[in-house]
Amino acid sequence: MMDMQEWRAAWDRAQDATDALRTALSDMGAGQTQVSHLRPAVSRKGTAWVDVGQLPASVAERLAEVIRVGSLDTIDRS
């Protein structure tokens, strides 16, 4: 069982990740109502999570495109 300090550290990681994702989606043009449902979470084992719930299809499509483009930038082309 984790202690409060471990839980708090995981919560802080989850909150930071939630804020980063919310900012990235907002920068992509997602409206406040489309990102307000993002929530930080901590599992019983202490793993930090971001609960994304449901994303509008238009936001999910833009996010997928950004991920695809970003992953192409990291491919070793040698």
C-alpha atoms as a PDB file:
ATOM      1  CA  MET A   1       0.000   0.000   0.000  1.00  0.00           C
ATOM      2  CA  MET A   2       1.346   3.421  -0.878  1.00  0.00           C
ATOM      3  CA  ASP A   3       1.705   6.210   1.623  1.00  0.00           C
ATOM      4  CA  MET A   4       0.306   9.698   1.215  1.00  0.00           C
ATOM      5  CA  GLN A   5       3.614  11.116  -0.042  1.00  0.00           C
ATOM      6  CA  GLU A   6       3.804   8.512  -2.831  1.00  0.00           C
ATOM      7  CA  TRP A   7       0.166   9.147  -3.755  1.00  0.00           C
ATOM      8  CA  ARG A   8       0.743  12.904  -3.810  1.00  0.00           C
ATOM      9  CA  ALA A   9       3.810  12.539  -6.057  1.00  0.00           C
ATOM     10  CA  ALA A  10       1.802  10.383  -8.472  1.00  0.00           C
ATOM     11  CA  TRP A  11      -1.079  12.882  -8.358  1.00  0.00           C
ATOM     12  CA  ASP A  12       1.296  15.736  -9.183  1.00  0.00           C
ATOM     13  CA  ARG A  13       2.652  13.762 -12.189  1.00  0.00           C
ATOM     14  CA  ALA A  14      -0.898  13.043 -13.343  1.00  0.00           C
ATOM     15  CA  GLN A  15      -1.907  16.694 -12.920  1.00  0.00           C
ATOM     16  CA  ASP A  16       1.155  17.914 -14.843  1.00  0.00           C
ATOM     17  CA  ALA A  17       0.428  15.460 -17.662  1.00  0.00           C
ATOM     18  CA  THR A  18      -3.236  16.504 -17.710  1.00  0.00           C
ATOM     19  CA  ASP A  19      -2.275  20.168 -17.926  1.00  0.00           C
ATOM     20  CA  ALA A  20       0.228  19.441 -20.715  1.00  0.00           C
ATOM     21  CA  LEU A  21      -2.343  17.491 -22.722  1.00  0.00           C
ATOM     22  CA  ARG A  22      -5.019  20.140 -22.165  1.00  0.00           C
ATOM     23  CA  THR A  23      -2.623  22.850 -23.365  1.00  0.00           C
ATOM     24  CA  ALA A  24      -1.544  20.837 -26.412  1.00  0.00           C
ATOM     25  CA  LEU A  25      -5.146  20.122 -27.419  1.00  0.00           C
ATOM     26  CA  SER A  26      -6.091  23.764 -26.896  1.00  0.00           C
ATOM     27  CA  ASP A  27      -3.133  24.841 -29.039  1.00  0.00           C
ATOM     28  CA  MET A  28      -4.471  22.500 -31.747  1.00  0.00           C
ATOM     29  CA  GLY A  29      -7.761  24.387 -31.711  1.00  0.00           C
ATOM     30  CA  ALA A  30      -9.819  22.325 -29.266  1.00  0.00           C
ATOM     31  CA  GLY A  31     -12.297  24.456 -27.359  1.00  0.00           C
ATOM     32  CA  GLN A  32     -12.477  24.697 -23.575  1.00  0.00           C
ATOM     33  CA  THR A  33     -15.537  22.441 -23.461  1.00  0.00           C
ATOM     34  CA  GLN A  34     -13.652  19.810 -25.473  1.00  0.00           C
ATOM     35  CA  VAL A  35     -10.766  19.599 -22.999  1.00  0.00           C
ATOM     36  CA  SER A  36     -12.484  20.345 -19.693  1.00  0.00           C
ATOM     37  CA  HIS A  37     -13.274  16.643 -19.143  1.00  0.00           C
ATOM     38  CA  LEU A  38      -9.589  15.631 -18.926  1.00  0.00           C
ATOM     39  CA  ARG A  39      -8.877  14.414 -15.394  1.00  0.00           C
ATOM     40  CA  PRO A  40      -5.775  13.328 -13.482  1.00  0.00           C
ATOM     41  CA  ALA A  41      -6.020   9.960 -11.736  1.00  0.00           C
ATOM     42  CA  VAL A  42      -3.864   7.668  -9.603  1.00  0.00           C
ATOM     43  CA  SER A  43      -4.218   3.885  -9.600  1.00  0.00           C
ATOM     44  CA  ARG A  44      -4.146   1.778  -6.444  1.00  0.00           C
ATOM     45  CA  LYS A  45      -0.557   0.857  -7.314  1.00  0.00           C
ATOM     46  CA  GLY A  46       0.415   4.524  -7.551  1.00  0.00           C
ATOM     47  CA  THR A  47       0.553   4.844 -11.320  1.00  0.00           C
ATOM     48  CA  ALA A  48      -0.223   8.338 -12.611  1.00  0.00           C
ATOM     49  CA  TRP A  49      -2.915   8.422 -15.326  1.00  0.00           C
ATOM     50  CA  VAL A  50      -4.793  10.948 -17.423  1.00  0.00           C
ATOM     51  CA  ASP A  51      -8.441  10.044 -17.914  1.00  0.00           C
ATOM     52  CA  VAL A  52      -9.316  11.424 -21.340  1.00  0.00           C
ATOM     53  CA  GLY A  53     -12.880  10.139 -21.361  1.00  0.00           C
ATOM     54  CA  GLN A  54     -14.433  10.889 -24.717  1.00  0.00           C
ATOM     55  CA  LEU A  55     -12.879  13.156 -27.313  1.00  0.00           C
ATOM     56  CA  PRO A  56     -14.897  14.656 -30.139  1.00  0.00           C
ATOM     57  CA  ALA A  57     -14.015  12.883 -33.383  1.00  0.00           C
ATOM     58  CA  SER A  58     -12.621  16.067 -34.912  1.00  0.00           C
ATOM     59  CA  VAL A  59     -10.207  16.522 -31.990  1.00  0.00           C
ATOM     60  CA  ALA A  60      -9.205  12.840 -32.077  1.00  0.00           C
ATOM     61  CA  GLU A  61      -8.474  13.060 -35.812  1.00  0.00           C
ATOM     62  CA  ARG A  62      -6.273  16.150 -35.348  1.00  0.00           C
ATOM     63  CA  LEU A  63      -4.504  14.498 -32.415  1.00  0.00           C
ATOM     64  CA  ALA A  64      -3.849  11.354 -34.460  1.00  0.00           C
ATOM     65  CA  GLU A  65      -2.362  13.440 -37.266  1.00  0.00           C
ATOM     66  CA  VAL A  66      -0.042  15.266 -34.865  1.00  0.00           C
ATOM     67  CA  ILE A  67       1.086  11.956 -33.373  1.00  0.00           C
ATOM     68  CA  ARG A  68       1.740  10.523 -36.835  1.00  0.00           C
ATOM     69  CA  VAL A  69       3.747  13.543 -37.947  1.00  0.00           C
ATOM     70  CA  GLY A  70       5.689  13.608 -34.675  1.00  0.00           C
ATOM     71  CA  SER A  71       6.528   9.926 -34.886  1.00  0.00           C
ATOM     72  CA  LEU A  72       7.843  10.372 -38.423  1.00  0.00           C
ATOM     73  CA  ASP A  73      10.285  12.968 -37.103  1.00  0.00           C
ATOM     74  CA  THR A  74      11.831  10.427 -34.722  1.00  0.00           C
ATOM     75  CA  ILE A  75      12.335   7.606 -37.236  1.00  0.00           C
ATOM     76  CA  ASP A  76      15.990   6.840 -37.952  1.00  0.00           C
ATOM     77  CA  ARG A  77      16.301   7.395 -41.706  1.00  0.00           C
ATOM     78  CA  SER A  78      19.761   5.868 -42.148  1.00  0.00           C
END
